[in-house]
């Protein structure tokens, strides 16, 4: 099966394999169910796989909703 996800490109993904900031986590959780994953990827400078993986980790750690609420308070 062919994947249509955008592959790593250093020009498009300058934050690849860097530590996630709190601001990035808040943004990720706030727009995860609203925006396309590719758009989130480009906005954060990370690959789509990294976006999906981080969201899943945060959900398992029960932190996803916390960051989502922080985003909603900012907006």
N, C-alpha and C. Protein backbone atom coordinates (compact mmCIF):
# COMPACT_ATOMS: atom_id res chain seq x y z
N UNK A 1 0.83 -1.17 0.00
CA UNK A 1 0.00 0.00 0.00
C UNK A 1 0.88 1.25 0.00
N UNK A 2 0.56 2.18 -0.86
CA UNK A 2 1.35 3.39 -0.99
C UNK A 2 0.90 4.44 0.02
N UNK A 3 1.87 5.07 0.67
CA UNK A 3 1.57 6.14 1.62
C UNK A 3 1.63 7.48 0.92
N UNK A 4 0.65 8.31 1.19
CA UNK A 4 0.61 9.64 0.59
C UNK A 4 1.09 10.72 1.57
N UNK A 5 1.67 10.30 2.66
CA UNK A 5 2.21 11.25 3.62
C UNK A 5 3.48 11.88 3.06
N UNK A 6 3.66 13.13 3.41
CA UNK A 6 4.83 13.87 2.98
C UNK A 6 6.05 13.32 3.68
N UNK A 7 7.05 12.93 2.93
CA UNK A 7 8.29 12.38 3.50
C UNK A 7 9.17 13.50 4.05
N UNK A 8 10.13 13.13 4.87
CA UNK A 8 11.04 14.11 5.48
C UNK A 8 11.76 14.92 4.41
N UNK A 9 11.74 16.22 4.62
CA UNK A 9 12.44 17.16 3.77
C UNK A 9 13.03 18.23 4.70
N UNK A 10 14.34 18.39 4.75
CA UNK A 10 14.94 19.32 5.70
C UNK A 10 14.45 20.77 5.54
N UNK A 11 14.04 21.14 4.36
CA UNK A 11 13.53 22.50 4.15
C UNK A 11 12.13 22.67 4.72
N UNK A 12 11.33 21.62 4.68
CA UNK A 12 9.96 21.68 5.17
C UNK A 12 9.81 21.26 6.63
N UNK A 13 10.79 20.50 7.12
CA UNK A 13 10.71 19.94 8.47
C UNK A 13 11.96 20.29 9.30
N UNK A 14 12.17 21.59 9.55
CA UNK A 14 13.38 21.98 10.28
C UNK A 14 13.41 21.53 11.74
N UNK A 15 12.27 21.14 12.30
CA UNK A 15 12.22 20.70 13.70
C UNK A 15 12.28 19.19 13.85
N UNK A 16 12.54 18.50 12.75
CA UNK A 16 12.60 17.04 12.77
C UNK A 16 13.59 16.54 13.81
N UNK A 17 13.12 15.66 14.68
CA UNK A 17 13.91 15.02 15.75
C UNK A 17 14.39 16.00 16.82
N UNK A 18 13.81 17.18 16.88
CA UNK A 18 14.12 18.12 17.96
C UNK A 18 13.11 17.92 19.08
N UNK A 19 13.46 18.41 20.26
CA UNK A 19 12.54 18.35 21.40
C UNK A 19 11.28 19.13 21.08
N UNK A 20 10.14 18.63 21.55
CA UNK A 20 8.88 19.33 21.37
C UNK A 20 8.76 20.42 22.44
N UNK A 21 8.31 21.59 22.04
CA UNK A 21 8.07 22.66 23.00
C UNK A 21 6.63 22.56 23.50
N UNK A 22 6.37 23.17 24.64
CA UNK A 22 5.01 23.21 25.18
C UNK A 22 4.08 23.90 24.18
N UNK A 23 4.55 24.95 23.57
CA UNK A 23 3.75 25.69 22.59
C UNK A 23 3.35 24.79 21.42
N UNK A 24 4.28 23.96 20.96
CA UNK A 24 3.99 23.03 19.87
C UNK A 24 2.96 21.98 20.29
N UNK A 25 3.09 21.48 21.51
CA UNK A 25 2.16 20.47 22.01
C UNK A 25 0.75 21.04 22.13
N UNK A 26 0.67 22.27 22.60
CA UNK A 26 -0.63 22.93 22.72
C UNK A 26 -1.26 23.09 21.35
N UNK A 27 -0.48 23.55 20.39
CA UNK A 27 -0.99 23.73 19.03
C UNK A 27 -1.43 22.39 18.43
N UNK A 28 -0.57 21.39 18.56
CA UNK A 28 -0.87 20.07 18.01
C UNK A 28 -2.21 19.55 18.54
N UNK A 29 -2.38 19.57 19.83
CA UNK A 29 -3.61 19.03 20.42
C UNK A 29 -4.83 19.90 20.12
N UNK A 30 -4.61 21.18 20.01
CA UNK A 30 -5.71 22.09 19.75
C UNK A 30 -6.30 21.98 18.36
N UNK A 31 -5.47 21.69 17.38
CA UNK A 31 -5.95 21.65 16.00
C UNK A 31 -5.97 20.24 15.41
N UNK A 32 -5.59 19.25 16.19
CA UNK A 32 -5.45 17.87 15.68
C UNK A 32 -6.71 17.34 15.01
N UNK A 33 -7.86 17.60 15.59
CA UNK A 33 -9.11 17.09 15.03
C UNK A 33 -9.78 18.07 14.09
N UNK A 34 -9.14 19.21 13.84
CA UNK A 34 -9.71 20.25 12.99
C UNK A 34 -8.98 20.35 11.65
N UNK A 35 -7.66 20.43 11.71
CA UNK A 35 -6.85 20.62 10.51
C UNK A 35 -6.36 19.31 9.92
N UNK A 36 -5.94 19.37 8.67
CA UNK A 36 -5.32 18.22 8.02
C UNK A 36 -3.97 17.98 8.66
N UNK A 37 -3.60 16.72 8.74
CA UNK A 37 -2.31 16.37 9.37
C UNK A 37 -1.14 16.98 8.59
N UNK A 38 -1.28 17.06 7.28
CA UNK A 38 -0.21 17.66 6.47
C UNK A 38 -0.05 19.14 6.80
N UNK A 39 -1.14 19.84 7.03
CA UNK A 39 -1.07 21.26 7.39
C UNK A 39 -0.42 21.45 8.76
N UNK A 40 -0.77 20.59 9.71
CA UNK A 40 -0.15 20.65 11.03
C UNK A 40 1.34 20.36 10.92
N UNK A 41 1.67 19.38 10.10
CA UNK A 41 3.06 19.01 9.88
C UNK A 41 3.88 20.20 9.39
N UNK A 42 3.36 20.89 8.40
CA UNK A 42 4.08 22.04 7.84
C UNK A 42 4.13 23.20 8.83
N UNK A 43 3.06 23.40 9.58
CA UNK A 43 3.03 24.49 10.55
C UNK A 43 4.06 24.28 11.66
N UNK A 44 4.26 23.03 12.05
CA UNK A 44 5.20 22.72 13.13
C UNK A 44 6.59 22.35 12.64
N UNK A 45 6.75 22.18 11.34
CA UNK A 45 8.06 21.83 10.81
C UNK A 45 8.48 20.41 11.16
N UNK A 46 7.50 19.52 11.22
CA UNK A 46 7.75 18.12 11.56
C UNK A 46 7.04 17.22 10.56
N UNK A 47 7.47 15.98 10.48
CA UNK A 47 6.84 15.06 9.53
C UNK A 47 5.44 14.67 10.02
N UNK A 48 4.63 14.20 9.09
CA UNK A 48 3.29 13.73 9.45
C UNK A 48 3.37 12.54 10.41
N UNK A 49 4.33 11.66 10.19
CA UNK A 49 4.50 10.52 11.09
C UNK A 49 4.79 10.99 12.52
N UNK A 50 5.62 12.03 12.65
CA UNK A 50 5.94 12.56 13.97
C UNK A 50 4.70 13.15 14.63
N UNK A 51 3.87 13.81 13.84
CA UNK A 51 2.62 14.40 14.35
C UNK A 51 1.70 13.29 14.88
N UNK A 52 1.51 12.27 14.09
CA UNK A 52 0.63 11.17 14.48
C UNK A 52 1.16 10.43 15.70
N UNK A 53 2.46 10.19 15.71
CA UNK A 53 3.07 9.47 16.83
C UNK A 53 2.97 10.27 18.13
N UNK A 54 3.26 11.57 18.07
CA UNK A 54 3.22 12.40 19.27
C UNK A 54 1.80 12.48 19.81
N UNK A 55 0.82 12.63 18.94
CA UNK A 55 -0.57 12.68 19.39
C UNK A 55 -0.95 11.38 20.08
N UNK A 56 -0.55 10.25 19.53
CA UNK A 56 -0.86 8.95 20.15
C UNK A 56 -0.19 8.80 21.51
N UNK A 57 1.05 9.25 21.63
CA UNK A 57 1.77 9.17 22.91
C UNK A 57 1.07 10.04 23.95
N UNK A 58 0.69 11.25 23.55
CA UNK A 58 0.01 12.15 24.49
C UNK A 58 -1.33 11.58 24.94
N UNK A 59 -2.03 10.93 24.02
CA UNK A 59 -3.32 10.31 24.39
C UNK A 59 -3.09 9.18 25.39
N UNK A 60 -2.07 8.36 25.17
CA UNK A 60 -1.77 7.26 26.09
C UNK A 60 -1.36 7.79 27.46
N UNK A 61 -0.66 8.92 27.48
CA UNK A 61 -0.22 9.52 28.74
C UNK A 61 -1.30 10.37 29.39
N UNK A 62 -2.48 10.43 28.75
CA UNK A 62 -3.61 11.22 29.25
C UNK A 62 -3.27 12.71 29.32
N UNK A 63 -2.44 13.19 28.40
CA UNK A 63 -2.06 14.61 28.36
C UNK A 63 -2.69 15.35 27.19
N UNK A 64 -3.23 14.61 26.22
CA UNK A 64 -3.77 15.23 25.02
C UNK A 64 -4.86 16.25 25.35
N UNK A 65 -5.81 15.86 26.19
CA UNK A 65 -6.92 16.75 26.54
C UNK A 65 -6.45 17.97 27.32
N UNK A 66 -5.44 17.79 28.15
CA UNK A 66 -4.87 18.91 28.92
C UNK A 66 -4.35 19.98 27.97
N UNK A 67 -3.56 19.57 26.99
CA UNK A 67 -3.00 20.53 26.03
C UNK A 67 -4.09 21.12 25.14
N UNK A 68 -5.09 20.32 24.81
CA UNK A 68 -6.19 20.81 24.00
C UNK A 68 -6.95 21.91 24.74
N UNK A 69 -7.18 21.72 26.02
CA UNK A 69 -7.85 22.74 26.83
C UNK A 69 -7.02 24.01 26.93
N UNK A 70 -5.71 23.87 27.00
CA UNK A 70 -4.82 25.04 27.04
C UNK A 70 -4.95 25.83 25.74
N UNK A 71 -5.06 25.12 24.62
CA UNK A 71 -5.23 25.77 23.31
C UNK A 71 -6.55 26.53 23.28
N UNK A 72 -7.60 25.91 23.75
CA UNK A 72 -8.92 26.54 23.73
C UNK A 72 -8.97 27.79 24.59
N UNK A 73 -8.20 27.82 25.67
CA UNK A 73 -8.14 29.01 26.51
C UNK A 73 -7.41 30.16 25.81
N UNK A 74 -6.43 29.81 24.96
CA UNK A 74 -5.67 30.83 24.24
C UNK A 74 -6.49 31.46 23.12
N UNK A 75 -7.35 30.68 22.51
CA UNK A 75 -8.11 31.14 21.34
C UNK A 75 -9.25 31.98 21.75
